[in-house]
């Protein structure tokens, strides 16, 4: 539900500190000379900054739980322990677990606070096979009927052969598939959906679940019954235990603050 400050504002609580107007990114809050709020403009995008930073809680929001925020080392440890999982146990994922897993979506940042991320959940092998695996296997067999696809696939020809033979290296028998999409017309929709999926993948690790990003299903989604989506996560309980720590991937940080603009 989009935050609407004009519907929540309790004028009697306002002490004219002016903070809400100062933090509003759209300049949607008008105050009088004393700093007391007098009106809200239609430019409000519902980000709730005004309510978050109001020391008098004029917008009637629950108190921030600072004590429950994990420490820096805990967060870093979670990032470092996240690993793509493609070997899943037969343990089923309960609906309540999926609901808990998806809670971060409601707090994921979006461009211009463009809310409305949709997550389609496919739970259980029957639905996953019907909606994703079998249609893609059929498609690969059609496209590779004269082995042309295998010839063009190069190093991936082995994967094409396995798919053609009916082996599930598409979802890797994950018991749950999550498809993230943003509303049509949202200029930052793809990024918004990817951010939401990233937050979910991190929470999955904290819940003892494993996941992997499925680019194949994401690219093929427009021709499947699941419809076009922007990100796909396959989720399940890992069947293997990790024993060693994997080194960080290569990346670069550059300070360009002193560089000349060209």
C-alpha atoms as a PDB file:
ATOM      1  CA  UNK A   1       0.000   0.000   0.000  1.00  0.00           C
ATOM      2  CA  UNK A   2       1.447   3.360  -1.045  1.00  0.00           C
ATOM      3  CA  UNK A   3       2.260   5.620   1.890  1.00  0.00           C
ATOM      4  CA  UNK A   4       0.023   8.721   1.822  1.00  0.00           C
ATOM      5  CA  UNK A   5       1.210  11.300   4.360  1.00  0.00           C
ATOM      6  CA  UNK A   6      -1.863  13.501   4.123  1.00  0.00           C
ATOM      7  CA  UNK A   7      -4.008  10.585   5.314  1.00  0.00           C
ATOM      8  CA  UNK A   8      -1.762   9.711   8.265  1.00  0.00           C
ATOM      9  CA  UNK A   9      -0.617  13.119   9.455  1.00  0.00           C
ATOM     10  CA  UNK A  10      -1.609  14.039  13.022  1.00  0.00           C
ATOM     11  CA  UNK A  11      -1.326  17.824  13.131  1.00  0.00           C
ATOM     12  CA  UNK A  12      -1.607  17.967  16.930  1.00  0.00           C
ATOM     13  CA  UNK A  13       1.731  16.156  17.249  1.00  0.00           C
ATOM     14  CA  UNK A  14       3.625  18.519  14.951  1.00  0.00           C
ATOM     15  CA  UNK A  15       6.259  20.582  16.817  1.00  0.00           C
ATOM     16  CA  UNK A  16       7.300  22.603  13.741  1.00  0.00           C
ATOM     17  CA  UNK A  17      10.789  21.075  13.509  1.00  0.00           C
ATOM     18  CA  UNK A  18      10.657  21.181   9.698  1.00  0.00           C
ATOM     19  CA  UNK A  19      12.505  17.882   9.284  1.00  0.00           C
ATOM     20  CA  UNK A  20       9.794  16.246   7.167  1.00  0.00           C
ATOM     21  CA  UNK A  21       9.887  19.084   4.656  1.00  0.00           C
ATOM     22  CA  UNK A  22      13.674  19.047   4.607  1.00  0.00           C
ATOM     23  CA  UNK A  23      13.998  15.307   3.824  1.00  0.00           C
ATOM     24  CA  UNK A  24      11.195  15.173   1.233  1.00  0.00           C
ATOM     25  CA  UNK A  25      12.902  14.454  -2.129  1.00  0.00           C
ATOM     26  CA  UNK A  26       9.984  15.924  -4.096  1.00  0.00           C
ATOM     27  CA  UNK A  27       9.446  19.072  -2.027  1.00  0.00           C
ATOM     28  CA  UNK A  28       5.865  17.950  -1.455  1.00  0.00           C
ATOM     29  CA  UNK A  29       5.459  19.214   2.110  1.00  0.00           C
ATOM     30  CA  UNK A  30       4.615  22.865   2.698  1.00  0.00           C
ATOM     31  CA  UNK A  31       5.251  24.445   6.080  1.00  0.00           C
ATOM     32  CA  UNK A  32       4.514  27.866   7.521  1.00  0.00           C
ATOM     33  CA  UNK A  33       7.181  30.248   8.794  1.00  0.00           C
ATOM     34  CA  UNK A  34       7.418  28.431  12.080  1.00  0.00           C
ATOM     35  CA  UNK A  35       8.074  25.112  10.357  1.00  0.00           C
ATOM     36  CA  UNK A  36       4.655  23.588  11.063  1.00  0.00           C
ATOM     37  CA  UNK A  37       3.206  21.442   8.271  1.00  0.00           C
ATOM     38  CA  UNK A  38       0.257  23.059   6.508  1.00  0.00           C
ATOM     39  CA  UNK A  39      -0.274  20.987   3.344  1.00  0.00           C
ATOM     40  CA  UNK A  40       0.953  18.148   1.094  1.00  0.00           C
ATOM     41  CA  UNK A  41       1.377  18.512  -2.677  1.00  0.00           C
ATOM     42  CA  UNK A  42       0.270  15.999  -5.317  1.00  0.00           C
ATOM     43  CA  UNK A  43       3.921  15.480  -6.268  1.00  0.00           C
ATOM     44  CA  UNK A  44       4.323  13.136  -3.279  1.00  0.00           C
ATOM     45  CA  UNK A  45       5.639   9.734  -4.399  1.00  0.00           C
ATOM     46  CA  UNK A  46       4.895   7.948  -1.122  1.00  0.00           C
ATOM     47  CA  UNK A  47       8.485   7.218  -0.079  1.00  0.00           C
ATOM     48  CA  UNK A  48       7.635   7.787   3.624  1.00  0.00           C
ATOM     49  CA  UNK A  49      10.845   9.713   4.383  1.00  0.00           C
ATOM     50  CA  UNK A  50       8.741  12.299   6.204  1.00  0.00           C
ATOM     51  CA  UNK A  51       7.307   9.697   8.538  1.00  0.00           C
ATOM     52  CA  UNK A  52      10.582   7.848   9.013  1.00  0.00           C
ATOM     53  CA  UNK A  53      12.519  10.893  10.181  1.00  0.00           C
ATOM     54  CA  UNK A  54       9.771  12.636  12.159  1.00  0.00           C
ATOM     55  CA  UNK A  55      10.904  12.772  15.833  1.00  0.00           C
ATOM     56  CA  UNK A  56       7.314  13.296  17.000  1.00  0.00           C
ATOM     57  CA  UNK A  57       5.890  10.417  14.934  1.00  0.00           C
ATOM     58  CA  UNK A  58       3.265  12.687  13.388  1.00  0.00           C
ATOM     59  CA  UNK A  59       2.630  10.029  10.739  1.00  0.00           C
ATOM     60  CA  UNK A  60       1.822   7.236  13.193  1.00  0.00           C
ATOM     61  CA  UNK A  61       4.451   4.679  12.167  1.00  0.00           C
ATOM     62  CA  UNK A  62       5.849   1.830  14.301  1.00  0.00           C
ATOM     63  CA  UNK A  63       9.138   2.553  16.056  1.00  0.00           C
ATOM     64  CA  UNK A  64      12.373   1.600  14.299  1.00  0.00           C
ATOM     65  CA  UNK A  65      13.922  -1.579  15.724  1.00  0.00           C
ATOM     66  CA  UNK A  66      17.571  -0.504  15.736  1.00  0.00           C
ATOM     67  CA  UNK A  67      18.568  -3.218  18.202  1.00  0.00           C
ATOM     68  CA  UNK A  68      17.660  -5.943  15.699  1.00  0.00           C
ATOM     69  CA  UNK A  69      19.880  -4.688  12.870  1.00  0.00           C
ATOM     70  CA  UNK A  70      22.712  -7.205  12.233  1.00  0.00           C
ATOM     71  CA  UNK A  71      26.240  -5.923  12.672  1.00  0.00           C
ATOM     72  CA  UNK A  72      28.647  -5.204   9.825  1.00  0.00           C
ATOM     73  CA  UNK A  73      30.534  -8.480  10.305  1.00  0.00           C
ATOM     74  CA  UNK A  74      27.307 -10.486  10.304  1.00  0.00           C
ATOM     75  CA  UNK A  75      26.138  -8.894   7.053  1.00  0.00           C
ATOM     76  CA  UNK A  76      29.520  -9.410   5.388  1.00  0.00           C
ATOM     77  CA  UNK A  77      29.574 -13.032   6.543  1.00  0.00           C
ATOM     78  CA  UNK A  78      26.135 -13.560   5.006  1.00  0.00           C
ATOM     79  CA  UNK A  79      27.292 -12.113   1.679  1.00  0.00           C
ATOM     80  CA  UNK A  80      30.425 -14.245   1.671  1.00  0.00           C
ATOM     81  CA  UNK A  81      28.548 -17.440   2.475  1.00  0.00           C
ATOM     82  CA  UNK A  82      25.962 -16.985  -0.271  1.00  0.00           C
ATOM     83  CA  UNK A  83      26.591 -19.474  -3.039  1.00  0.00           C
ATOM     84  CA  UNK A  84      24.529 -20.609  -6.017  1.00  0.00           C
ATOM     85  CA  UNK A  85      22.845 -23.933  -5.250  1.00  0.00           C
ATOM     86  CA  UNK A  86      21.912 -26.434  -7.954  1.00  0.00           C
ATOM     87  CA  UNK A  87      21.712 -29.587  -5.896  1.00  0.00           C
ATOM     88  CA  UNK A  88      18.501 -29.655  -3.889  1.00  0.00           C
ATOM     89  CA  UNK A  89      17.182 -32.120  -1.350  1.00  0.00           C
ATOM     90  CA  UNK A  90      13.722 -33.643  -1.662  1.00  0.00           C
ATOM     91  CA  UNK A  91      12.493 -31.620   1.314  1.00  0.00           C
ATOM     92  CA  UNK A  92       9.438 -29.612   0.356  1.00  0.00           C
ATOM     93  CA  UNK A  93       9.192 -25.889   0.953  1.00  0.00           C
ATOM     94  CA  UNK A  94       6.118 -24.965   2.932  1.00  0.00           C
ATOM     95  CA  UNK A  95       3.977 -22.015   1.852  1.00  0.00           C
ATOM     96  CA  UNK A  96       4.686 -20.226   5.140  1.00  0.00           C
ATOM     97  CA  UNK A  97       8.425 -20.452   4.409  1.00  0.00           C
ATOM     98  CA  UNK A  98       7.897 -18.915   0.959  1.00  0.00           C
ATOM     99  CA  UNK A  99       5.865 -16.092   2.486  1.00  0.00           C
ATOM    100  CA  UNK A 100       8.654 -15.335   4.960  1.00  0.00           C
ATOM    101  CA  UNK A 101      11.267 -15.560   2.207  1.00  0.00           C
ATOM    102  CA  UNK A 102       9.439 -12.953   0.118  1.00  0.00           C
ATOM    103  CA  UNK A 103       9.003 -10.370   2.893  1.00  0.00           C
ATOM    104  CA  UNK A 104      12.066  -8.329   1.744  1.00  0.00           C
ATOM    105  CA  UNK A 105      10.237  -7.501  -1.503  1.00  0.00           C
ATOM    106  CA  UNK A 106       8.052  -5.068   0.429  1.00  0.00           C
ATOM    107  CA  UNK A 107      11.163  -3.153   1.521  1.00  0.00           C
ATOM    108  CA  UNK A 108      13.200  -3.291  -1.695  1.00  0.00           C
ATOM    109  CA  UNK A 109      14.175   0.111  -3.136  1.00  0.00           C
ATOM    110  CA  UNK A 110      12.689   1.115  -6.486  1.00  0.00           C
ATOM    111  CA  UNK A 111      13.377   3.974  -8.875  1.00  0.00           C
ATOM    112  CA  UNK A 112      11.065   6.920  -8.084  1.00  0.00           C
ATOM    113  CA  UNK A 113       9.439   4.663  -5.468  1.00  0.00           C
ATOM    114  CA  UNK A 114       7.673   2.878  -8.336  1.00  0.00           C
ATOM    115  CA  UNK A 115       6.036   0.144  -6.284  1.00  0.00           C
ATOM    116  CA  UNK A 116       4.109  -2.816  -7.601  1.00  0.00           C
ATOM    117  CA  UNK A 117       6.655  -5.639  -7.945  1.00  0.00           C
ATOM    118  CA  UNK A 118       4.907  -8.951  -8.634  1.00  0.00           C
ATOM    119  CA  UNK A 119       6.397 -12.304  -7.659  1.00  0.00           C
ATOM    120  CA  UNK A 120       4.834 -15.353  -9.275  1.00  0.00           C
ATOM    121  CA  UNK A 121       5.463 -18.452  -7.186  1.00  0.00           C
ATOM    122  CA  UNK A 122       5.592 -21.947  -8.681  1.00  0.00           C
ATOM    123  CA  UNK A 123       5.708 -24.412  -5.819  1.00  0.00           C
ATOM    124  CA  UNK A 124       6.194 -28.126  -6.455  1.00  0.00           C
ATOM    125  CA  UNK A 125       7.700 -30.180  -9.276  1.00  0.00           C
ATOM    126  CA  UNK A 126       4.375 -30.753 -11.042  1.00  0.00           C
ATOM    127  CA  UNK A 127       3.778 -27.072 -11.741  1.00  0.00           C
ATOM    128  CA  UNK A 128       7.442 -26.360 -12.510  1.00  0.00           C
ATOM    129  CA  UNK A 129       7.593 -29.201 -15.035  1.00  0.00           C
ATOM    130  CA  UNK A 130       4.317 -28.190 -16.685  1.00  0.00           C
ATOM    131  CA  UNK A 131       5.014 -24.466 -16.913  1.00  0.00           C
ATOM    132  CA  UNK A 132       8.778 -24.388 -17.472  1.00  0.00           C
ATOM    133  CA  UNK A 133      10.745 -27.602 -17.939  1.00  0.00           C
ATOM    134  CA  UNK A 134       8.596 -29.532 -20.433  1.00  0.00           C
ATOM    135  CA  UNK A 135       7.895 -26.524 -22.714  1.00  0.00           C
ATOM    136  CA  UNK A 136      11.611 -25.677 -22.854  1.00  0.00           C
ATOM    137  CA  UNK A 137      12.622 -29.285 -23.497  1.00  0.00           C
ATOM    138  CA  UNK A 138      10.080 -29.425 -26.320  1.00  0.00           C
ATOM    139  CA  UNK A 139      11.377 -26.153 -27.753  1.00  0.00           C
ATOM    140  CA  UNK A 140      14.991 -27.350 -27.676  1.00  0.00           C
ATOM    141  CA  UNK A 141      14.038 -30.604 -29.406  1.00  0.00           C
ATOM    142  CA  UNK A 142      12.245 -28.699 -32.163  1.00  0.00           C
ATOM    143  CA  UNK A 143      15.087 -26.228 -32.671  1.00  0.00           C
ATOM    144  CA  UNK A 144      17.673 -29.007 -32.584  1.00  0.00           C
ATOM    145  CA  UNK A 145      15.853 -31.507 -34.779  1.00  0.00           C
ATOM    146  CA  UNK A 146      18.705 -31.384 -37.313  1.00  0.00           C
ATOM    147  CA  UNK A 147      21.343 -30.745 -34.622  1.00  0.00           C
ATOM    148  CA  UNK A 148      21.792 -27.188 -35.868  1.00  0.00           C
ATOM    149  CA  UNK A 149      21.311 -25.772 -32.383  1.00  0.00           C
ATOM    150  CA  UNK A 150      23.993 -28.112 -31.058  1.00  0.00           C
ATOM    151  CA  UNK A 151      26.398 -26.972 -33.768  1.00  0.00           C
ATOM    152  CA  UNK A 152      25.782 -23.322 -32.965  1.00  0.00           C
ATOM    153  CA  UNK A 153      25.951 -23.863 -29.191  1.00  0.00           C
ATOM    154  CA  UNK A 154      29.711 -24.426 -29.157  1.00  0.00           C
ATOM    155  CA  UNK A 155      30.863 -25.367 -25.609  1.00  0.00           C
ATOM    156  CA  UNK A 156      27.204 -25.545 -24.525  1.00  0.00           C
ATOM    157  CA  UNK A 157      26.366 -28.376 -26.926  1.00  0.00           C
ATOM    158  CA  UNK A 158      26.628 -30.857 -24.053  1.00  0.00           C
ATOM    159  CA  UNK A 159      23.914 -28.976 -22.175  1.00  0.00           C
ATOM    160  CA  UNK A 160      21.723 -28.957 -25.292  1.00  0.00           C
ATOM    161  CA  UNK A 161      22.102 -32.723 -25.564  1.00  0.00           C
ATOM    162  CA  UNK A 162      21.107 -33.243 -21.922  1.00  0.00           C
ATOM    163  CA  UNK A 163      18.046 -31.021 -22.281  1.00  0.00           C
ATOM    164  CA  UNK A 164      17.067 -32.793 -25.491  1.00  0.00           C
ATOM    165  CA  UNK A 165      17.248 -36.086 -23.626  1.00  0.00           C
ATOM    166  CA  UNK A 166      14.891 -34.732 -20.960  1.00  0.00           C
ATOM    167  CA  UNK A 167      17.402 -34.089 -18.174  1.00  0.00           C
ATOM    168  CA  UNK A 168      16.386 -31.158 -15.998  1.00  0.00           C
ATOM    169  CA  UNK A 169      19.378 -28.867 -16.068  1.00  0.00           C
ATOM    170  CA  UNK A 170      16.936 -25.983 -16.502  1.00  0.00           C
ATOM    171  CA  UNK A 171      15.599 -25.679 -12.964  1.00  0.00           C
ATOM    172  CA  UNK A 172      17.793 -28.467 -11.556  1.00  0.00           C
ATOM    173  CA  UNK A 173      14.739 -29.982  -9.852  1.00  0.00           C
ATOM    174  CA  UNK A 174      14.329 -27.018  -7.536  1.00  0.00           C
ATOM    175  CA  UNK A 175      11.075 -27.346  -5.553  1.00  0.00           C
ATOM    176  CA  UNK A 176      10.260 -23.646  -5.944  1.00  0.00           C
ATOM    177  CA  UNK A 177      10.652 -21.109  -8.736  1.00  0.00           C
ATOM    178  CA  UNK A 178      10.143 -17.375  -8.165  1.00  0.00           C
ATOM    179  CA  UNK A 179       9.518 -15.038 -11.094  1.00  0.00           C
ATOM    180  CA  UNK A 180       9.933 -11.302 -10.449  1.00  0.00           C
ATOM    181  CA  UNK A 181       8.389  -8.627 -12.666  1.00  0.00           C
ATOM    182  CA  UNK A 182       7.630  -4.923 -12.486  1.00  0.00           C
ATOM    183  CA  UNK A 183       4.582  -3.159 -13.935  1.00  0.00           C
ATOM    184  CA  UNK A 184       4.648  -2.340 -17.643  1.00  0.00           C
ATOM    185  CA  UNK A 185       5.787   1.189 -18.325  1.00  0.00           C
ATOM    186  CA  UNK A 186       8.075   1.359 -15.297  1.00  0.00           C
ATOM    187  CA  UNK A 187      11.325   2.752 -16.712  1.00  0.00           C
ATOM    188  CA  UNK A 188      13.374   1.230 -13.887  1.00  0.00           C
ATOM    189  CA  UNK A 189      11.287  -1.944 -13.725  1.00  0.00           C
ATOM    190  CA  UNK A 190      13.992  -4.432 -14.672  1.00  0.00           C
ATOM    191  CA  UNK A 191      16.407  -2.996 -12.121  1.00  0.00           C
ATOM    192  CA  UNK A 192      13.689  -2.835  -9.445  1.00  0.00           C
ATOM    193  CA  UNK A 193      12.842  -6.514  -9.940  1.00  0.00           C
ATOM    194  CA  UNK A 194      16.500  -7.545  -9.860  1.00  0.00           C
ATOM    195  CA  UNK A 195      17.081  -5.644  -6.615  1.00  0.00           C
ATOM    196  CA  UNK A 196      14.070  -7.357  -5.027  1.00  0.00           C
ATOM    197  CA  UNK A 197      15.287 -10.770  -6.193  1.00  0.00           C
ATOM    198  CA  UNK A 198      18.754 -10.054  -4.807  1.00  0.00           C
ATOM    199  CA  UNK A 199      17.342  -9.256  -1.382  1.00  0.00           C
ATOM    200  CA  UNK A 200      15.313 -12.467  -1.459  1.00  0.00           C
ATOM    201  CA  UNK A 201      18.354 -14.537  -2.446  1.00  0.00           C
ATOM    202  CA  UNK A 202      20.292 -13.153   0.529  1.00  0.00           C
ATOM    203  CA  UNK A 203      17.450 -13.908   2.933  1.00  0.00           C
ATOM    204  CA  UNK A 204      17.252 -17.433   1.505  1.00  0.00           C
ATOM    205  CA  UNK A 205      20.821 -18.010   2.685  1.00  0.00           C
ATOM    206  CA  UNK A 206      19.924 -16.848   6.199  1.00  0.00           C
ATOM    207  CA  UNK A 207      16.975 -19.284   6.253  1.00  0.00           C
ATOM    208  CA  UNK A 208      19.039 -22.316   5.324  1.00  0.00           C
ATOM    209  CA  UNK A 209      17.755 -22.276   1.747  1.00  0.00           C
ATOM    210  CA  UNK A 210      19.791 -22.324  -1.437  1.00  0.00           C
ATOM    211  CA  UNK A 211      19.041 -20.496  -4.662  1.00  0.00           C
ATOM    212  CA  UNK A 212      20.403 -19.697  -8.078  1.00  0.00           C
ATOM    213  CA  UNK A 213      19.634 -17.066 -10.706  1.00  0.00           C
ATOM    214  CA  UNK A 214      18.033 -18.624 -13.770  1.00  0.00           C
ATOM    215  CA  UNK A 215      18.882 -16.548 -16.823  1.00  0.00           C
ATOM    216  CA  UNK A 216      17.599 -19.215 -19.218  1.00  0.00           C
ATOM    217  CA  UNK A 217      14.066 -19.147 -17.835  1.00  0.00           C
ATOM    218  CA  UNK A 218      14.138 -15.345 -17.591  1.00  0.00           C
ATOM    219  CA  UNK A 219      15.080 -14.983 -21.274  1.00  0.00           C
ATOM    220  CA  UNK A 220      12.575 -17.636 -22.361  1.00  0.00           C
ATOM    221  CA  UNK A 221       9.741 -16.333 -20.168  1.00  0.00           C
ATOM    222  CA  UNK A 222       8.003 -14.294 -22.938  1.00  0.00           C
ATOM    223  CA  UNK A 223       7.235 -17.494 -24.858  1.00  0.00           C
ATOM    224  CA  UNK A 224       6.190 -19.505 -21.802  1.00  0.00           C
ATOM    225  CA  UNK A 225       2.876 -19.494 -19.951  1.00  0.00           C
ATOM    226  CA  UNK A 226       4.592 -17.735 -17.058  1.00  0.00           C
ATOM    227  CA  UNK A 227       4.841 -14.552 -19.210  1.00  0.00           C
ATOM    228  CA  UNK A 228       7.710 -12.111 -19.395  1.00  0.00           C
ATOM    229  CA  UNK A 229       9.623 -11.501 -16.172  1.00  0.00           C
ATOM    230  CA  UNK A 230      12.755  -9.608 -15.206  1.00  0.00           C
ATOM    231  CA  UNK A 231      14.428 -12.039 -12.788  1.00  0.00           C
ATOM    232  CA  UNK A 232      14.053 -15.703 -11.843  1.00  0.00           C
ATOM    233  CA  UNK A 233      15.219 -17.500  -8.707  1.00  0.00           C
ATOM    234  CA  UNK A 234      15.152 -21.265  -8.245  1.00  0.00           C
ATOM    235  CA  UNK A 235      14.965 -22.077  -4.532  1.00  0.00           C
ATOM    236  CA  UNK A 236      15.183 -25.155  -2.346  1.00  0.00           C
ATOM    237  CA  UNK A 237      16.960 -26.806   0.562  1.00  0.00           C
ATOM    238  CA  UNK A 238      20.571 -27.698  -0.392  1.00  0.00           C
ATOM    239  CA  UNK A 239      21.448 -31.377  -0.521  1.00  0.00           C
ATOM    240  CA  UNK A 240      25.190 -30.721  -0.166  1.00  0.00           C
ATOM    241  CA  UNK A 241      27.199 -29.036   2.571  1.00  0.00           C
ATOM    242  CA  UNK A 242      29.783 -26.367   1.789  1.00  0.00           C
ATOM    243  CA  UNK A 243      33.198 -27.124   3.292  1.00  0.00           C
ATOM    244  CA  UNK A 244      35.566 -24.523   1.846  1.00  0.00           C
ATOM    245  CA  UNK A 245      35.389 -20.749   1.510  1.00  0.00           C
ATOM    246  CA  UNK A 246      35.385 -19.468  -2.052  1.00  0.00           C
ATOM    247  CA  UNK A 247      37.625 -16.456  -2.826  1.00  0.00           C
ATOM    248  CA  UNK A 248      35.993 -13.168  -3.757  1.00  0.00           C
ATOM    249  CA  UNK A 249      35.463 -12.497  -7.456  1.00  0.00           C
ATOM    250  CA  UNK A 250      37.640  -9.925  -9.163  1.00  0.00           C
ATOM    251  CA  UNK A 251      36.311  -6.396  -9.188  1.00  0.00           C
ATOM    252  CA  UNK A 252      37.660  -2.855  -9.354  1.00  0.00           C
ATOM    253  CA  UNK A 253      37.135   0.274  -7.299  1.00  0.00           C
ATOM    254  CA  UNK A 254      38.254   3.568  -8.838  1.00  0.00           C
ATOM    255  CA  UNK A 255      38.342   7.010  -7.288  1.00  0.00           C
ATOM    256  CA  UNK A 256      37.371   9.347 -10.129  1.00  0.00           C
ATOM    257  CA  UNK A 257      36.589  12.362  -7.966  1.00  0.00           C
ATOM    258  CA  UNK A 258      39.713  14.170  -9.185  1.00  0.00           C
ATOM    259  CA  UNK A 259      39.504  13.115 -12.816  1.00  0.00           C
ATOM    260  CA  UNK A 260      38.745  15.640 -15.537  1.00  0.00           C
ATOM    261  CA  UNK A 261      35.406  15.492 -17.299  1.00  0.00           C
ATOM    262  CA  UNK A 262      35.695  14.877 -21.041  1.00  0.00           C
END
